[in-house]
């Protein structure tokens, strides 16, 4: 009888150092990490990718090879400025980008439009986010979004049609921002 190890989808430990891999997924944390080098990840679905408190400045094209992650969480990477549109070429179901103070609006919304299979976008406590542009999440026909959390950013302007054509949207959190007015057509095309 052959018993499969939960670690069998993990690559050789030395190939992804200083990151680690376990049955929970891939974990990259600590100031020692300046570059992600996870191209050796197997063509598998991992439970999670956790990038915490690193010194990375960008997440580039094909950074993760053909790996897919059910959940991607990027927290406290204060030097992070850019995430490539195709960094997650095999898309996660949930994307959590929290407290990454230097990630630009353009980079975030560009990524959000590309992630057509995501059900949850959790993007809070990012001070560079000041507006929600037209078609912020719907330009690429992402009709699976159920939850969008944009709380505690620096948002003061929401444009017309910002959240349009999101028929599955159930929760939108815009609390703790500087919003004084919400255009009446911000949610056109939703149930």
Foldseek 3Di string as FASTA:
>chain_A
DDDDALCVQPDDQVQFPPWGQDNQGIEADDAVDAAGQQQPGDLEEHAEYEYYQYQYQEQDACSNHNYHYQEYAHENNQNHAAYDLRSRVPAYQEYAYYQNQRHAPVRVLSNLQSRLNHQEYHYEQHARDAEQDACSRPPNPSQNHAYYEYDHYAYAYYDANSAEQNANHDYYHHYHYNYDDDDPRNYHHYD
